[in-house]
Every structure is written in structure tokens, then in C-alpha cells.
Amino acid sequence: MSDGIVIENGLETTTPEQILLIACGALAREILALRRLNGWDHMVLQCLPAKYHLYPEKIVDAVEATVRKHDGAFSKIFVVYADCGTGGLLQAKCAELGVEMIAGPHCYSFFEGNDAFAARGEDDITSFFLTDFLVKQFDAFVWKPMGLDRYPQLRDMLFGNYTKVVYQAQTENAALLDQAKRCAERLGLDFEYRYTGYGDLSTALHSLNRPA
């Protein structure tokens, strides 16, 4: 891609004044939107495959390899992953490597705002969360990996302890809202819509000041 932005492939020519964002591919659209909105042309995006959302044990090694590959080539490297199911291992690895990462247990928390998400506490313990990305990729990241395309009878066993789908919308999009409602219907769950925008993702990226 042009304009210094790369998704999952080799990085284009960069300069030491730039900041490298190592991010989950599921956050690519949101990061690109924030970059355009704020004119953050000093930020270069390197996304790891979004499918690691399904295999969090792969995240730590992939992040480490990417940091080591580009160490010294940028003024700063920032990891745009929360804990994401790594059980604290990603935070420990980032500390070892001397790089910062976004705070929070997962993207559902930082999209809502970590403080607001924590304040809900047990109110959300039986909620199944969707973001814009997961609404668009519901079949690829939810329905098929859980085997519901082949064994729909598994639905009640897998989702029997959930009560509702919470759609955390990053954008105000009527088509996505309708699609999210259909996802809830397919899962046999109630539906709740929350427009979160970019939450603490925006706050974290704003904190990365443009190099002098």
C-alpha cells in the first residue's frame, strides 16, 4: 500500500523519525481511520494476521519477531494489542523488549474505555461482544471456527450461558447495525447496541507524540 502504510506484508522504506505500530489485523481499519483523521503521517502500521484472534498463543512470538526485526529503524515501536488471551505473557514480553502496548484485557475493553468497561463488572459477564470487524467477519471468526456451520445443534451448548450480544460499534453504520442484529438472532441471544467509537484506542495513539 502507499503512504507508508502496510498490512501484513513487508514494510516500505521508512525513516528513523517514524513510529511503528504493530497491531492486530482486526484493528487495521480503525487505526487507518484515526491516522487519516489526525494526520498522523509519522506512523507506520504493520499488522499481524487477524486470525491470531483465534490463536492467542501465537501473538507473543509474532510480536517479538516483528519488534526484533525492526528494532532501531524507528523512533518508537508501539504494540496495538491488549492482553488478548495471552495471560500476561504479552505484557511481560513487551517489558522485556522495552516497548509499550495498549492497556486493557482485550479490544472490547479498550473500545468501550477500560475504566467504563471495568465499572460494568458482572453486568457484562454473560455478554458476547462484537465489534465492527467481527460483525463483518462473523462467519469467518465466529460461526465457522466454532463448527456451527456444520453442527448448528452446538449453538445452545456453546452459547447457553450467554444472555445477549453486545455490539460495540466503532462507526455509525445502519447496515452493520442490521447485520449485528442478525448475528444475535443466529446465536439465539438478546441484542444490545453501544456506540463506542474508538475509545481508548484513540487515546493511546494520541499519546504517541509526533517526533520533533
C-alpha atoms as a PDB file:
ATOM      1  CA  MET A   1       0.000   0.000   0.000  1.00  0.00           C
ATOM      2  CA  SER A   2       1.073   3.603  -0.442  1.00  0.00           C
ATOM      3  CA  ASP A   3       1.542   6.436   2.079  1.00  0.00           C
ATOM      4  CA  GLY A   4       3.731   4.424   4.425  1.00  0.00           C
ATOM      5  CA  ILE A   5       1.001   2.015   5.480  1.00  0.00           C
ATOM      6  CA  VAL A   6       1.456  -1.727   5.288  1.00  0.00           C
ATOM      7  CA  ILE A   7      -0.938  -4.539   6.158  1.00  0.00           C
ATOM      8  CA  GLU A   8       0.715  -7.900   6.932  1.00  0.00           C
ATOM      9  CA  ASN A   9       3.372  -7.611   4.209  1.00  0.00           C
ATOM     10  CA  GLY A  10       6.931  -6.298   4.150  1.00  0.00           C
ATOM     11  CA  LEU A  11       7.403  -2.698   5.238  1.00  0.00           C
ATOM     12  CA  GLU A  12       8.042   0.017   2.708  1.00  0.00           C
ATOM     13  CA  THR A  13      11.047   2.323   3.030  1.00  0.00           C
ATOM     14  CA  THR A  14      10.859   4.120   6.356  1.00  0.00           C
ATOM     15  CA  THR A  15      12.781   6.774   8.288  1.00  0.00           C
ATOM     16  CA  PRO A  16      14.050   6.701  11.890  1.00  0.00           C
ATOM     17  CA  GLU A  17      11.703   9.591  12.806  1.00  0.00           C
ATOM     18  CA  GLN A  18       8.632   7.433  12.298  1.00  0.00           C
ATOM     19  CA  ILE A  19       6.708   5.377  14.839  1.00  0.00           C
ATOM     20  CA  LEU A  20       5.950   1.738  14.095  1.00  0.00           C
ATOM     21  CA  LEU A  21       2.575   0.412  15.210  1.00  0.00           C
ATOM     22  CA  ILE A  22       2.482  -3.383  15.484  1.00  0.00           C
ATOM     23  CA  ALA A  23      -1.201  -4.208  15.529  1.00  0.00           C
ATOM     24  CA  CYS A  24      -3.794  -6.928  15.287  1.00  0.00           C
ATOM     25  CA  GLY A  25      -5.178  -7.090  11.771  1.00  0.00           C
ATOM     26  CA  ALA A  26      -8.671  -6.802  13.254  1.00  0.00           C
ATOM     27  CA  LEU A  27      -7.810  -3.190  14.176  1.00  0.00           C
ATOM     28  CA  ALA A  28      -6.446  -2.142  10.789  1.00  0.00           C
ATOM     29  CA  ARG A  29      -9.444  -0.138   9.584  1.00  0.00           C
ATOM     30  CA  GLU A  30      -9.795   1.690  12.886  1.00  0.00           C
ATOM     31  CA  ILE A  31      -6.110   2.612  13.067  1.00  0.00           C
ATOM     32  CA  LEU A  32      -6.081   3.765   9.454  1.00  0.00           C
ATOM     33  CA  ALA A  33      -9.194   5.867  10.078  1.00  0.00           C
ATOM     34  CA  LEU A  34      -7.612   7.529  13.119  1.00  0.00           C
ATOM     35  CA  ARG A  35      -4.395   8.097  11.197  1.00  0.00           C
ATOM     36  CA  ARG A  36      -6.234   9.848   8.359  1.00  0.00           C
ATOM     37  CA  LEU A  37      -8.430  11.861  10.726  1.00  0.00           C
ATOM     38  CA  ASN A  38      -5.487  13.163  12.732  1.00  0.00           C
ATOM     39  CA  GLY A  39      -2.850  13.473  10.007  1.00  0.00           C
ATOM     40  CA  TRP A  40      -0.521  11.008  11.725  1.00  0.00           C
ATOM     41  CA  ASP A  41       1.743  10.542   8.729  1.00  0.00           C
ATOM     42  CA  HIS A  42       4.661   9.792  11.060  1.00  0.00           C
ATOM     43  CA  MET A  43       3.040   6.465  11.993  1.00  0.00           C
ATOM     44  CA  VAL A  44       3.673   3.274  10.032  1.00  0.00           C
ATOM     45  CA  LEU A  45       1.294   0.358  10.517  1.00  0.00           C
ATOM     46  CA  GLN A  46       2.427  -3.265  10.480  1.00  0.00           C
ATOM     47  CA  CYS A  47      -0.483  -5.636  11.070  1.00  0.00           C
ATOM     48  CA  LEU A  48      -0.150  -9.236  12.153  1.00  0.00           C
ATOM     49  CA  PRO A  49      -2.772 -11.673  10.826  1.00  0.00           C
ATOM     50  CA  ALA A  50      -6.222 -11.089  12.280  1.00  0.00           C
ATOM     51  CA  LYS A  51      -6.649 -14.856  12.603  1.00  0.00           C
ATOM     52  CA  TYR A  52      -4.381 -14.727  15.679  1.00  0.00           C
ATOM     53  CA  HIS A  53      -7.563 -13.531  17.378  1.00  0.00           C
ATOM     54  CA  LEU A  54      -8.440 -17.235  17.348  1.00  0.00           C
ATOM     55  CA  TYR A  55      -4.994 -18.443  18.433  1.00  0.00           C
ATOM     56  CA  PRO A  56      -3.686 -16.055  21.114  1.00  0.00           C
ATOM     57  CA  GLU A  57      -0.753 -18.367  21.835  1.00  0.00           C
ATOM     58  CA  LYS A  58       0.770 -17.150  18.544  1.00  0.00           C
ATOM     59  CA  ILE A  59       0.601 -13.456  19.387  1.00  0.00           C
ATOM     60  CA  VAL A  60       3.607 -13.169  21.715  1.00  0.00           C
ATOM     61  CA  ASP A  61       6.105 -14.831  19.366  1.00  0.00           C
ATOM     62  CA  ALA A  62       4.817 -12.885  16.362  1.00  0.00           C
ATOM     63  CA  VAL A  63       5.046  -9.561  18.178  1.00  0.00           C
ATOM     64  CA  GLU A  64       8.555 -10.360  19.440  1.00  0.00           C
ATOM     65  CA  ALA A  65       9.749 -11.331  15.960  1.00  0.00           C
ATOM     66  CA  THR A  66       8.353  -8.117  14.462  1.00  0.00           C
ATOM     67  CA  VAL A  67       9.870  -5.921  17.173  1.00  0.00           C
ATOM     68  CA  ARG A  68      13.285  -7.537  16.786  1.00  0.00           C
ATOM     69  CA  LYS A  69      13.126  -7.274  13.000  1.00  0.00           C
ATOM     70  CA  HIS A  70      12.547  -3.521  13.090  1.00  0.00           C
ATOM     71  CA  ASP A  71      14.458  -2.594  16.247  1.00  0.00           C
ATOM     72  CA  GLY A  72      16.424   0.600  15.675  1.00  0.00           C
ATOM     73  CA  ALA A  73      14.635   1.512  12.468  1.00  0.00           C
ATOM     74  CA  PHE A  74      12.032   3.725  14.181  1.00  0.00           C
ATOM     75  CA  SER A  75      11.958   6.348  16.890  1.00  0.00           C
ATOM     76  CA  LYS A  76       9.429   4.242  18.793  1.00  0.00           C
ATOM     77  CA  ILE A  77       7.604   0.934  18.494  1.00  0.00           C
ATOM     78  CA  PHE A  78       4.126   0.657  19.979  1.00  0.00           C
ATOM     79  CA  VAL A  79       2.175  -2.608  20.229  1.00  0.00           C
ATOM     80  CA  VAL A  80      -1.522  -2.215  19.489  1.00  0.00           C
ATOM     81  CA  TYR A  81      -2.654  -5.386  21.205  1.00  0.00           C
ATOM     82  CA  ALA A  82      -4.227  -5.661  24.632  1.00  0.00           C
ATOM     83  CA  ASP A  83      -3.596  -8.847  26.635  1.00  0.00           C
ATOM     84  CA  CYS A  84      -5.851 -10.681  24.146  1.00  0.00           C
ATOM     85  CA  GLY A  85      -5.866 -14.009  25.952  1.00  0.00           C
ATOM     86  CA  THR A  86      -2.097 -14.284  26.447  1.00  0.00           C
ATOM     87  CA  GLY A  87      -2.395 -14.452  30.239  1.00  0.00           C
ATOM     88  CA  GLY A  88       0.000 -11.573  30.826  1.00  0.00           C
ATOM     89  CA  LEU A  89       2.702 -13.042  28.597  1.00  0.00           C
ATOM     90  CA  LEU A  90       2.454 -10.277  26.005  1.00  0.00           C
ATOM     91  CA  GLN A  91       2.857  -7.578  28.645  1.00  0.00           C
ATOM     92  CA  ALA A  92       5.895  -9.388  30.060  1.00  0.00           C
ATOM     93  CA  LYS A  93       7.430  -9.740  26.605  1.00  0.00           C
ATOM     94  CA  CYS A  94       6.852  -6.086  25.761  1.00  0.00           C
ATOM     95  CA  ALA A  95       8.513  -5.088  29.050  1.00  0.00           C
ATOM     96  CA  GLU A  96      11.463  -7.333  28.187  1.00  0.00           C
ATOM     97  CA  LEU A  97      11.736  -5.770  24.729  1.00  0.00           C
ATOM     98  CA  GLY A  98      11.363  -2.233  26.060  1.00  0.00           C
ATOM     99  CA  VAL A  99       8.249  -1.376  24.063  1.00  0.00           C
ATOM    100  CA  GLU A 100       4.875  -0.078  25.205  1.00  0.00           C
ATOM    101  CA  MET A 101       1.491  -1.640  24.465  1.00  0.00           C
ATOM    102  CA  ILE A 102      -2.109  -0.537  24.744  1.00  0.00           C
ATOM    103  CA  ALA A 103      -3.660  -1.119  28.160  1.00  0.00           C
ATOM    104  CA  GLY A 104      -6.568  -3.470  28.747  1.00  0.00           C
ATOM    105  CA  PRO A 105      -7.537  -7.128  28.779  1.00  0.00           C
ATOM    106  CA  HIS A 106      -8.906  -7.129  25.207  1.00  0.00           C
ATOM    107  CA  CYS A 107     -10.213  -4.837  22.481  1.00  0.00           C
ATOM    108  CA  TYR A 108     -13.782  -4.966  23.835  1.00  0.00           C
ATOM    109  CA  SER A 109     -12.471  -3.236  26.942  1.00  0.00           C
ATOM    110  CA  PHE A 110     -10.386  -0.535  25.304  1.00  0.00           C
ATOM    111  CA  PHE A 111     -13.036   0.239  22.664  1.00  0.00           C
ATOM    112  CA  GLU A 112     -15.538   0.920  25.435  1.00  0.00           C
ATOM    113  CA  GLY A 113     -12.881   2.590  27.547  1.00  0.00           C
ATOM    114  CA  ASN A 114     -11.082   0.450  30.110  1.00  0.00           C
ATOM    115  CA  ASP A 115     -12.493   2.309  33.100  1.00  0.00           C
ATOM    116  CA  ALA A 116     -16.062   2.173  31.778  1.00  0.00           C
ATOM    117  CA  PHE A 117     -15.720  -1.498  30.896  1.00  0.00           C
ATOM    118  CA  ALA A 118     -14.368  -2.369  34.338  1.00  0.00           C
ATOM    119  CA  ALA A 119     -17.162  -0.399  36.006  1.00  0.00           C
ATOM    120  CA  ARG A 120     -19.787  -2.610  34.365  1.00  0.00           C
ATOM    121  CA  GLY A 121     -18.285  -5.587  36.167  1.00  0.00           C
ATOM    122  CA  GLU A 122     -20.655  -8.543  36.372  1.00  0.00           C
ATOM    123  CA  ASP A 123     -23.307  -6.781  34.284  1.00  0.00           C
ATOM    124  CA  ASP A 124     -21.453  -7.932  31.169  1.00  0.00           C
ATOM    125  CA  ILE A 125     -20.298 -11.330  32.364  1.00  0.00           C
ATOM    126  CA  THR A 126     -22.890 -13.114  30.197  1.00  0.00           C
ATOM    127  CA  SER A 127     -22.415 -10.871  27.150  1.00  0.00           C
ATOM    128  CA  PHE A 128     -20.901 -11.946  23.842  1.00  0.00           C
ATOM    129  CA  PHE A 129     -19.156  -8.984  22.213  1.00  0.00           C
ATOM    130  CA  LEU A 130     -18.945  -7.937  18.598  1.00  0.00           C
ATOM    131  CA  THR A 131     -17.012  -5.059  17.045  1.00  0.00           C
ATOM    132  CA  ASP A 132     -17.326  -3.648  13.527  1.00  0.00           C
ATOM    133  CA  PHE A 133     -14.669  -6.103  12.386  1.00  0.00           C
ATOM    134  CA  LEU A 134     -16.360  -9.129  13.970  1.00  0.00           C
ATOM    135  CA  VAL A 135     -19.747  -8.179  12.564  1.00  0.00           C
ATOM    136  CA  LYS A 136     -18.245  -8.062   9.086  1.00  0.00           C
ATOM    137  CA  GLN A 137     -16.295 -11.292   9.654  1.00  0.00           C
ATOM    138  CA  PHE A 138     -18.869 -13.129  11.779  1.00  0.00           C
ATOM    139  CA  ASP A 139     -18.884 -16.302   9.707  1.00  0.00           C
ATOM    140  CA  ALA A 140     -15.085 -16.458   9.381  1.00  0.00           C
ATOM    141  CA  PHE A 141     -14.264 -15.663  13.015  1.00  0.00           C
ATOM    142  CA  VAL A 142     -17.257 -16.972  14.965  1.00  0.00           C
ATOM    143  CA  TRP A 143     -19.669 -19.235  13.095  1.00  0.00           C
ATOM    144  CA  LYS A 144     -17.247 -21.465  11.203  1.00  0.00           C
ATOM    145  CA  PRO A 145     -14.410 -21.776  13.782  1.00  0.00           C
ATOM    146  CA  MET A 146     -16.971 -22.902  16.349  1.00  0.00           C
ATOM    147  CA  GLY A 147     -18.299 -25.504  13.931  1.00  0.00           C
ATOM    148  CA  LEU A 148     -21.790 -24.007  13.799  1.00  0.00           C
ATOM    149  CA  ASP A 149     -21.837 -24.155  10.014  1.00  0.00           C
ATOM    150  CA  ARG A 150     -21.517 -27.946  10.253  1.00  0.00           C
ATOM    151  CA  TYR A 151     -23.174 -28.653  13.583  1.00  0.00           C
ATOM    152  CA  PRO A 152     -25.783 -25.967  14.289  1.00  0.00           C
ATOM    153  CA  GLN A 153     -27.055 -28.039  17.214  1.00  0.00           C
ATOM    154  CA  LEU A 154     -23.917 -26.950  19.100  1.00  0.00           C
ATOM    155  CA  ARG A 155     -25.256 -23.407  19.378  1.00  0.00           C
ATOM    156  CA  ASP A 156     -27.177 -23.891  22.611  1.00  0.00           C
ATOM    157  CA  MET A 157     -24.291 -25.758  24.217  1.00  0.00           C
ATOM    158  CA  LEU A 158     -21.709 -23.122  23.230  1.00  0.00           C
ATOM    159  CA  PHE A 159     -23.850 -20.084  23.940  1.00  0.00           C
ATOM    160  CA  GLY A 160     -26.225 -21.397  26.579  1.00  0.00           C
ATOM    161  CA  ASN A 161     -24.576 -19.355  29.325  1.00  0.00           C
ATOM    162  CA  TYR A 162     -24.729 -16.111  27.354  1.00  0.00           C
ATOM    163  CA  THR A 163     -27.760 -13.826  27.560  1.00  0.00           C
ATOM    164  CA  LYS A 164     -27.051 -11.165  24.952  1.00  0.00           C
ATOM    165  CA  VAL A 165     -24.858  -9.939  22.133  1.00  0.00           C
ATOM    166  CA  VAL A 166     -23.326  -6.531  22.752  1.00  0.00           C
ATOM    167  CA  TYR A 167     -22.362  -4.755  19.556  1.00  0.00           C
ATOM    168  CA  GLN A 168     -19.677  -2.170  20.283  1.00  0.00           C
ATOM    169  CA  ALA A 169     -19.844  -0.026  17.175  1.00  0.00           C
ATOM    170  CA  GLN A 170     -16.817   1.963  16.110  1.00  0.00           C
ATOM    171  CA  THR A 171     -18.775   3.644  13.323  1.00  0.00           C
ATOM    172  CA  GLU A 172     -22.403   4.686  12.944  1.00  0.00           C
ATOM    173  CA  ASN A 173     -23.424   2.370  10.134  1.00  0.00           C
ATOM    174  CA  ALA A 174     -27.046   1.271   9.687  1.00  0.00           C
ATOM    175  CA  ALA A 175     -26.105  -1.715   7.523  1.00  0.00           C
ATOM    176  CA  LEU A 176     -23.661  -3.027  10.127  1.00  0.00           C
ATOM    177  CA  LEU A 177     -26.240  -2.497  12.854  1.00  0.00           C
ATOM    178  CA  ASP A 178     -28.747  -4.626  10.956  1.00  0.00           C
ATOM    179  CA  GLN A 179     -26.079  -7.255  10.348  1.00  0.00           C
ATOM    180  CA  ALA A 180     -25.179  -7.306  14.054  1.00  0.00           C
ATOM    181  CA  LYS A 181     -28.835  -7.846  14.965  1.00  0.00           C
ATOM    182  CA  ARG A 182     -28.946 -10.819  12.600  1.00  0.00           C
ATOM    183  CA  CYS A 183     -25.819 -12.224  14.279  1.00  0.00           C
ATOM    184  CA  ALA A 184     -27.611 -12.072  17.625  1.00  0.00           C
ATOM    185  CA  GLU A 185     -30.635 -13.809  16.137  1.00  0.00           C
ATOM    186  CA  ARG A 186     -28.457 -16.583  14.744  1.00  0.00           C
ATOM    187  CA  LEU A 187     -26.986 -17.099  18.208  1.00  0.00           C
ATOM    188  CA  GLY A 188     -30.410 -17.031  19.851  1.00  0.00           C
ATOM    189  CA  LEU A 189     -29.424 -14.128  22.110  1.00  0.00           C
ATOM    190  CA  ASP A 190     -30.806 -10.717  23.024  1.00  0.00           C
ATOM    191  CA  PHE A 191     -29.165  -7.717  21.421  1.00  0.00           C
ATOM    192  CA  GLU A 192     -27.659  -4.514  22.786  1.00  0.00           C
ATOM    193  CA  TYR A 193     -26.120  -1.723  20.742  1.00  0.00           C
ATOM    194  CA  ARG A 194     -23.387   0.518  22.143  1.00  0.00           C
ATOM    195  CA  TYR A 195     -21.732   3.169  20.036  1.00  0.00           C
ATOM    196  CA  THR A 196     -18.222   3.320  21.500  1.00  0.00           C
ATOM    197  CA  GLY A 197     -16.274   4.982  18.722  1.00  0.00           C
ATOM    198  CA  TYR A 198     -12.558   4.265  19.097  1.00  0.00           C
ATOM    199  CA  GLY A 199     -12.422   4.565  22.890  1.00  0.00           C
ATOM    200  CA  ASP A 200      -9.003   4.161  24.487  1.00  0.00           C
ATOM    201  CA  LEU A 201      -7.507   3.169  21.132  1.00  0.00           C
ATOM    202  CA  SER A 202      -7.765   6.813  20.119  1.00  0.00           C
ATOM    203  CA  THR A 203      -6.412   7.965  23.477  1.00  0.00           C
ATOM    204  CA  ALA A 204      -3.423   5.631  23.271  1.00  0.00           C
ATOM    205  CA  LEU A 205      -2.471   6.687  19.754  1.00  0.00           C
ATOM    206  CA  HIS A 206      -2.912  10.380  20.611  1.00  0.00           C
ATOM    207  CA  SER A 207      -0.323   9.864  23.343  1.00  0.00           C
ATOM    208  CA  LEU A 208       2.311   8.986  20.725  1.00  0.00           C
ATOM    209  CA  ASN A 209       3.555  12.483  20.031  1.00  0.00           C
ATOM    210  CA  ARG A 210       4.976  13.364  16.659  1.00  0.00           C
ATOM    211  CA  PRO A 211       8.781  13.215  16.760  1.00  0.00           C
ATOM    212  CA  ALA A 212      10.497  16.602  16.808  1.00  0.00           C
END
